[in-house]
C-alpha atoms as a PDB file:
ATOM      1  CA  UNK A   1     -61.407 -37.649 -80.635  1.00  0.00           C
ATOM      2  CA  UNK A   2     -60.979 -41.416 -80.424  1.00  0.00           C
ATOM      3  CA  UNK A   3     -58.907 -41.362 -83.602  1.00  0.00           C
ATOM      4  CA  UNK A   4     -56.623 -38.655 -82.207  1.00  0.00           C
ATOM      5  CA  UNK A   5     -56.150 -40.572 -78.941  1.00  0.00           C
ATOM      6  CA  UNK A   6     -55.422 -43.763 -80.857  1.00  0.00           C
ATOM      7  CA  UNK A   7     -52.756 -42.019 -82.933  1.00  0.00           C
ATOM      8  CA  UNK A   8     -51.196 -40.476 -79.805  1.00  0.00           C
ATOM      9  CA  UNK A   9     -51.223 -43.852 -78.035  1.00  0.00           C
ATOM     10  CA  UNK A  10     -49.622 -45.526 -81.064  1.00  0.00           C
ATOM     11  CA  UNK A  11     -46.957 -42.809 -81.116  1.00  0.00           C
ATOM     12  CA  UNK A  12     -46.247 -43.446 -77.440  1.00  0.00           C
ATOM     13  CA  UNK A  13     -45.926 -47.186 -78.016  1.00  0.00           C
ATOM     14  CA  UNK A  14     -43.535 -46.755 -80.930  1.00  0.00           C
ATOM     15  CA  UNK A  15     -41.459 -44.320 -78.881  1.00  0.00           C
ATOM     16  CA  UNK A  16     -41.167 -46.824 -76.014  1.00  0.00           C
ATOM     17  CA  UNK A  17     -39.857 -49.701 -78.112  1.00  0.00           C
ATOM     18  CA  UNK A  18     -36.138 -50.099 -77.525  1.00  0.00           C
ATOM     19  CA  UNK A  19     -33.874 -50.425 -80.544  1.00  0.00           C
ATOM     20  CA  UNK A  20     -31.681 -53.475 -80.789  1.00  0.00           C
ATOM     21  CA  UNK A  21     -28.743 -54.400 -82.972  1.00  0.00           C
ATOM     22  CA  UNK A  22     -27.607 -57.857 -83.970  1.00  0.00           C
ATOM     23  CA  UNK A  23     -24.067 -58.796 -83.029  1.00  0.00           C
ATOM     24  CA  UNK A  24     -22.112 -62.025 -83.339  1.00  0.00           C
ATOM     25  CA  UNK A  25     -22.570 -64.544 -80.528  1.00  0.00           C
ATOM     26  CA  UNK A  26     -18.851 -64.403 -79.816  1.00  0.00           C
ATOM     27  CA  UNK A  27     -18.860 -60.601 -79.500  1.00  0.00           C
ATOM     28  CA  UNK A  28     -18.346 -59.239 -75.999  1.00  0.00           C
ATOM     29  CA  UNK A  29     -21.184 -57.138 -74.694  1.00  0.00           C
ATOM     30  CA  UNK A  30     -20.384 -53.413 -74.729  1.00  0.00           C
ATOM     31  CA  UNK A  31     -21.538 -52.927 -71.144  1.00  0.00           C
ATOM     32  CA  UNK A  32     -19.162 -53.609 -68.317  1.00  0.00           C
ATOM     33  CA  UNK A  33     -20.433 -56.465 -66.182  1.00  0.00           C
ATOM     34  CA  UNK A  34     -18.621 -59.484 -64.803  1.00  0.00           C
ATOM     35  CA  UNK A  35     -21.124 -62.203 -65.633  1.00  0.00           C
ATOM     36  CA  UNK A  36     -20.804 -65.067 -68.103  1.00  0.00           C
ATOM     37  CA  UNK A  37     -21.340 -63.877 -71.659  1.00  0.00           C
ATOM     38  CA  UNK A  38     -22.187 -65.545 -74.956  1.00  0.00           C
ATOM     39  CA  UNK A  39     -18.521 -65.116 -75.905  1.00  0.00           C
ATOM     40  CA  UNK A  40     -17.532 -67.134 -72.821  1.00  0.00           C
ATOM     41  CA  UNK A  41     -19.944 -69.888 -73.864  1.00  0.00           C
ATOM     42  CA  UNK A  42     -18.535 -70.056 -77.400  1.00  0.00           C
ATOM     43  CA  UNK A  43     -14.848 -69.886 -76.415  1.00  0.00           C
ATOM     44  CA  UNK A  44     -15.146 -72.358 -73.520  1.00  0.00           C
ATOM     45  CA  UNK A  45     -17.089 -74.883 -75.612  1.00  0.00           C
ATOM     46  CA  UNK A  46     -14.714 -74.679 -78.576  1.00  0.00           C
ATOM     47  CA  UNK A  47     -11.614 -75.078 -76.389  1.00  0.00           C
ATOM     48  CA  UNK A  48     -13.066 -78.023 -74.463  1.00  0.00           C
ATOM     49  CA  UNK A  49     -14.080 -79.812 -77.686  1.00  0.00           C
ATOM     50  CA  UNK A  50     -10.611 -79.329 -79.213  1.00  0.00           C
ATOM     51  CA  UNK A  51      -9.007 -80.699 -76.062  1.00  0.00           C
ATOM     52  CA  UNK A  52     -11.409 -83.640 -75.743  1.00  0.00           C
ATOM     53  CA  UNK A  53     -10.922 -84.737 -79.357  1.00  0.00           C
ATOM     54  CA  UNK A  54      -7.177 -85.136 -78.687  1.00  0.00           C
ATOM     55  CA  UNK A  55      -7.810 -87.717 -75.960  1.00  0.00           C
ATOM     56  CA  UNK A  56      -6.390 -91.108 -77.113  1.00  0.00           C
ATOM     57  CA  UNK A  57      -9.484 -92.965 -75.843  1.00  0.00           C
ATOM     58  CA  UNK A  58     -11.440 -90.892 -78.382  1.00  0.00           C
ATOM     59  CA  UNK A  59      -9.016 -90.203 -81.234  1.00  0.00           C
ATOM     60  CA  UNK A  60      -7.621 -93.760 -81.397  1.00  0.00           C
ATOM     61  CA  UNK A  61     -10.712 -95.757 -80.420  1.00  0.00           C
ATOM     62  CA  UNK A  62     -11.478 -98.670 -82.755  1.00  0.00           C
ATOM     63  CA  UNK A  63     -15.153 -98.516 -81.786  1.00  0.00           C
ATOM     64  CA  UNK A  64     -16.809 -95.149 -81.064  1.00  0.00           C
ATOM     65  CA  UNK A  65     -17.294 -94.798 -77.300  1.00  0.00           C
ATOM     66  CA  UNK A  66     -20.806 -94.072 -76.016  1.00  0.00           C
ATOM     67  CA  UNK A  67     -21.008 -90.873 -74.023  1.00  0.00           C
ATOM     68  CA  UNK A  68     -23.789 -89.802 -71.662  1.00  0.00           C
ATOM     69  CA  UNK A  69     -24.079 -86.364 -70.113  1.00  0.00           C
ATOM     70  CA  UNK A  70     -24.375 -85.613 -66.439  1.00  0.00           C
ATOM     71  CA  UNK A  71     -25.618 -82.289 -65.090  1.00  0.00           C
ATOM     72  CA  UNK A  72     -23.143 -79.459 -64.775  1.00  0.00           C
ATOM     73  CA  UNK A  73     -22.781 -78.058 -61.253  1.00  0.00           C
ATOM     74  CA  UNK A  74     -23.106 -74.296 -60.961  1.00  0.00           C
ATOM     75  CA  UNK A  75     -21.158 -73.076 -57.930  1.00  0.00           C
ATOM     76  CA  UNK A  76     -21.089 -69.458 -59.096  1.00  0.00           C
ATOM     77  CA  UNK A  77     -23.269 -66.626 -57.807  1.00  0.00           C
ATOM     78  CA  UNK A  78     -24.841 -66.302 -61.251  1.00  0.00           C
ATOM     79  CA  UNK A  79     -28.224 -67.606 -62.242  1.00  0.00           C
ATOM     80  CA  UNK A  80     -27.554 -69.225 -65.596  1.00  0.00           C
ATOM     81  CA  UNK A  81     -28.468 -72.272 -67.632  1.00  0.00           C
ATOM     82  CA  UNK A  82     -25.609 -74.461 -66.442  1.00  0.00           C
ATOM     83  CA  UNK A  83     -26.221 -77.171 -69.043  1.00  0.00           C
ATOM     84  CA  UNK A  84     -25.915 -74.708 -71.924  1.00  0.00           C
ATOM     85  CA  UNK A  85     -22.162 -75.436 -71.974  1.00  0.00           C
ATOM     86  CA  UNK A  86     -22.650 -79.213 -72.273  1.00  0.00           C
ATOM     87  CA  UNK A  87     -25.322 -78.734 -74.942  1.00  0.00           C
ATOM     88  CA  UNK A  88     -23.023 -76.451 -76.964  1.00  0.00           C
ATOM     89  CA  UNK A  89     -20.142 -78.919 -76.586  1.00  0.00           C
ATOM     90  CA  UNK A  90     -22.371 -81.796 -77.700  1.00  0.00           C
ATOM     91  CA  UNK A  91     -23.432 -79.860 -80.800  1.00  0.00           C
ATOM     92  CA  UNK A  92     -19.814 -79.065 -81.680  1.00  0.00           C
ATOM     93  CA  UNK A  93     -18.751 -82.675 -81.091  1.00  0.00           C
ATOM     94  CA  UNK A  94     -21.562 -84.002 -83.286  1.00  0.00           C
ATOM     95  CA  UNK A  95     -20.489 -81.609 -86.044  1.00  0.00           C
ATOM     96  CA  UNK A  96     -16.740 -82.220 -85.738  1.00  0.00           C
ATOM     97  CA  UNK A  97     -16.195 -85.709 -84.309  1.00  0.00           C
ATOM     98  CA  UNK A  98     -17.043 -87.530 -87.578  1.00  0.00           C
ATOM     99  CA  UNK A  99     -18.339 -90.695 -85.909  1.00  0.00           C
ATOM    100  CA  UNK A 100     -15.602 -90.856 -83.270  1.00  0.00           C
ATOM    101  CA  UNK A 101     -18.233 -90.800 -80.505  1.00  0.00           C
ATOM    102  CA  UNK A 102     -21.838 -91.843 -79.996  1.00  0.00           C
ATOM    103  CA  UNK A 103     -23.961 -89.707 -77.689  1.00  0.00           C
ATOM    104  CA  UNK A 104     -26.725 -91.152 -75.533  1.00  0.00           C
ATOM    105  CA  UNK A 105     -29.876 -89.091 -75.096  1.00  0.00           C
ATOM    106  CA  UNK A 106     -30.977 -89.655 -71.512  1.00  0.00           C
ATOM    107  CA  UNK A 107     -33.273 -86.600 -71.544  1.00  0.00           C
ATOM    108  CA  UNK A 108     -35.948 -88.435 -73.521  1.00  0.00           C
ATOM    109  CA  UNK A 109     -35.611 -91.850 -71.857  1.00  0.00           C
ATOM    110  CA  UNK A 110     -39.269 -91.928 -70.786  1.00  0.00           C
ATOM    111  CA  UNK A 111     -40.409 -91.126 -74.347  1.00  0.00           C
ATOM    112  CA  UNK A 112     -38.160 -93.876 -75.691  1.00  0.00           C
ATOM    113  CA  UNK A 113     -39.563 -96.371 -73.174  1.00  0.00           C
ATOM    114  CA  UNK A 114     -43.141 -95.497 -74.222  1.00  0.00           C
ATOM    115  CA  UNK A 115     -42.238 -95.976 -77.898  1.00  0.00           C
ATOM    116  CA  UNK A 116     -40.579 -99.326 -77.186  1.00  0.00           C
ATOM    117  CA  UNK A 117     -43.654-100.473 -75.258  1.00  0.00           C
ATOM    118  CA  UNK A 118     -45.883 -99.450 -78.187  1.00  0.00           C
ATOM    119  CA  UNK A 119     -43.684-101.458 -80.560  1.00  0.00           C
ATOM    120  CA  UNK A 120     -43.797-104.531 -78.296  1.00  0.00           C
ATOM    121  CA  UNK A 121     -47.576-104.322 -78.045  1.00  0.00           C
ATOM    122  CA  UNK A 122     -47.851-104.141 -81.833  1.00  0.00           C
ATOM    123  CA  UNK A 123     -49.591-100.762 -81.920  1.00  0.00           C
ATOM    124  CA  UNK A 124     -46.670 -99.393 -83.984  1.00  0.00           C
ATOM    125  CA  UNK A 125     -44.156-101.164 -86.185  1.00  0.00           C
ATOM    126  CA  UNK A 126     -40.437-101.321 -85.707  1.00  0.00           C
ATOM    127  CA  UNK A 127     -37.818-101.036 -88.432  1.00  0.00           C
ATOM    128  CA  UNK A 128     -35.309-102.892 -86.279  1.00  0.00           C
ATOM    129  CA  UNK A 129     -35.038-104.068 -82.730  1.00  0.00           C
ATOM    130  CA  UNK A 130     -32.266-102.426 -80.760  1.00  0.00           C
ATOM    131  CA  UNK A 131     -31.483-102.485 -77.091  1.00  0.00           C
ATOM    132  CA  UNK A 132     -30.783 -99.408 -75.011  1.00  0.00           C
ATOM    133  CA  UNK A 133     -27.047 -98.766 -74.934  1.00  0.00           C
ATOM    134  CA  UNK A 134     -25.036 -98.242 -71.803  1.00  0.00           C
ATOM    135  CA  UNK A 135     -22.542 -95.414 -71.459  1.00  0.00           C
ATOM    136  CA  UNK A 136     -18.806 -95.929 -71.689  1.00  0.00           C
ATOM    137  CA  UNK A 137     -18.120 -92.422 -70.399  1.00  0.00           C
ATOM    138  CA  UNK A 138     -19.896 -89.543 -68.659  1.00  0.00           C
ATOM    139  CA  UNK A 139     -19.177 -85.937 -69.601  1.00  0.00           C
ATOM    140  CA  UNK A 140     -19.867 -83.389 -66.898  1.00  0.00           C
ATOM    141  CA  UNK A 141     -18.584 -80.114 -65.555  1.00  0.00           C
ATOM    142  CA  UNK A 142     -18.464 -77.578 -62.783  1.00  0.00           C
ATOM    143  CA  UNK A 143     -18.677 -73.786 -62.910  1.00  0.00           C
ATOM    144  CA  UNK A 144     -16.999 -71.991 -59.984  1.00  0.00           C
ATOM    145  CA  UNK A 145     -16.287 -68.355 -59.217  1.00  0.00           C
ATOM    146  CA  UNK A 146     -14.700 -65.956 -56.776  1.00  0.00           C
ATOM    147  CA  UNK A 147     -16.405 -62.567 -56.523  1.00  0.00           C
ATOM    148  CA  UNK A 148     -14.907 -59.490 -54.905  1.00  0.00           C
ATOM    149  CA  UNK A 149     -16.067 -55.925 -54.729  1.00  0.00           C
ATOM    150  CA  UNK A 150     -14.759 -52.684 -53.400  1.00  0.00           C
ATOM    151  CA  UNK A 151     -16.586 -49.410 -53.603  1.00  0.00           C
ATOM    152  CA  UNK A 152     -18.338 -49.298 -56.932  1.00  0.00           C
ATOM    153  CA  UNK A 153     -16.161 -51.963 -58.605  1.00  0.00           C
ATOM    154  CA  UNK A 154     -16.643 -55.699 -58.885  1.00  0.00           C
ATOM    155  CA  UNK A 155     -14.202 -58.438 -59.889  1.00  0.00           C
ATOM    156  CA  UNK A 156     -15.223 -61.974 -60.834  1.00  0.00           C
ATOM    157  CA  UNK A 157     -12.879 -64.887 -61.515  1.00  0.00           C
ATOM    158  CA  UNK A 158     -14.746 -67.790 -63.140  1.00  0.00           C
ATOM    159  CA  UNK A 159     -13.461 -71.312 -63.730  1.00  0.00           C
ATOM    160  CA  UNK A 160     -15.265 -73.539 -66.233  1.00  0.00           C
ATOM    161  CA  UNK A 161     -14.054 -77.134 -65.744  1.00  0.00           C
ATOM    162  CA  UNK A 162     -15.223 -80.248 -67.597  1.00  0.00           C
ATOM    163  CA  UNK A 163     -14.261 -83.896 -67.247  1.00  0.00           C
ATOM    164  CA  UNK A 164     -14.805 -87.276 -68.880  1.00  0.00           C
ATOM    165  CA  UNK A 165     -15.233 -90.183 -66.456  1.00  0.00           C
ATOM    166  CA  UNK A 166     -15.136 -93.919 -67.220  1.00  0.00           C
ATOM    167  CA  UNK A 167     -18.607 -95.345 -66.466  1.00  0.00           C
ATOM    168  CA  UNK A 168     -17.201 -98.658 -65.163  1.00  0.00           C
ATOM    169  CA  UNK A 169     -14.028 -97.796 -63.270  1.00  0.00           C
ATOM    170  CA  UNK A 170     -14.940 -94.171 -62.376  1.00  0.00           C
ATOM    171  CA  UNK A 171     -11.460 -93.159 -63.580  1.00  0.00           C
ATOM    172  CA  UNK A 172     -11.271 -89.555 -64.717  1.00  0.00           C
ATOM    173  CA  UNK A 173      -9.827 -89.872 -68.226  1.00  0.00           C
ATOM    174  CA  UNK A 174      -9.813 -86.229 -69.189  1.00  0.00           C
ATOM    175  CA  UNK A 175     -10.287 -82.882 -67.520  1.00  0.00           C
ATOM    176  CA  UNK A 176      -9.701 -79.399 -68.802  1.00  0.00           C
ATOM    177  CA  UNK A 177     -10.533 -75.905 -67.663  1.00  0.00           C
ATOM    178  CA  UNK A 178     -10.993 -72.395 -68.925  1.00  0.00           C
ATOM    179  CA  UNK A 179     -10.465 -69.434 -66.640  1.00  0.00           C
ATOM    180  CA  UNK A 180     -11.552 -65.838 -67.072  1.00  0.00           C
ATOM    181  CA  UNK A 181     -11.428 -62.799 -64.811  1.00  0.00           C
ATOM    182  CA  UNK A 182     -13.633 -59.788 -65.434  1.00  0.00           C
ATOM    183  CA  UNK A 183     -13.682 -56.396 -63.753  1.00  0.00           C
ATOM    184  CA  UNK A 184     -16.649 -54.067 -63.989  1.00  0.00           C
ATOM    185  CA  UNK A 185     -18.985 -51.812 -62.114  1.00  0.00           C
ATOM    186  CA  UNK A 186     -20.826 -53.273 -59.147  1.00  0.00           C
ATOM    187  CA  UNK A 187     -24.570 -53.388 -59.607  1.00  0.00           C
ATOM    188  CA  UNK A 188     -26.928 -51.603 -57.258  1.00  0.00           C
ATOM    189  CA  UNK A 189     -27.822 -54.933 -55.633  1.00  0.00           C
ATOM    190  CA  UNK A 190     -24.098 -55.602 -54.958  1.00  0.00           C
ATOM    191  CA  UNK A 191     -23.507 -52.498 -52.863  1.00  0.00           C
END
């Protein structure tokens, strides 16, 4: 009896597991929603990197500028990882900038300070003594949207804007944007 119940339970579990298919990260989702997709992330990041690398302060710099990242502001109605765009852009820049920029990692500053203190106290050795670098520029962005709905339809215009600001003068040296408008069915929570 227990064996029969176990087999039936196992059959139920297997029947409840949803099938999934792998698709490319830049493939639009087949369902019709108006939210940010992985394709948006890929396209926005690639376009911003191409644009940024054409900036004379980057492309013609004799010494690679040091760039720090500031949080991206999410002014959309979506709940999303707003810094995913900056992280993707940083990865693409590191792969494609060929030493034209140096990126500062402020996320692990406290870990770096602990390591430096351990080196100064002699509990660990140091291969070289370097000082913490200051930023020449800050890269940040803002995500904004306009949402409209009528009946069972929803329309979302989203603007992904990024800028590079001089850390001393606060001059905005570069700014670019990517815009997308999507139309889909309104969710039950939207009605």
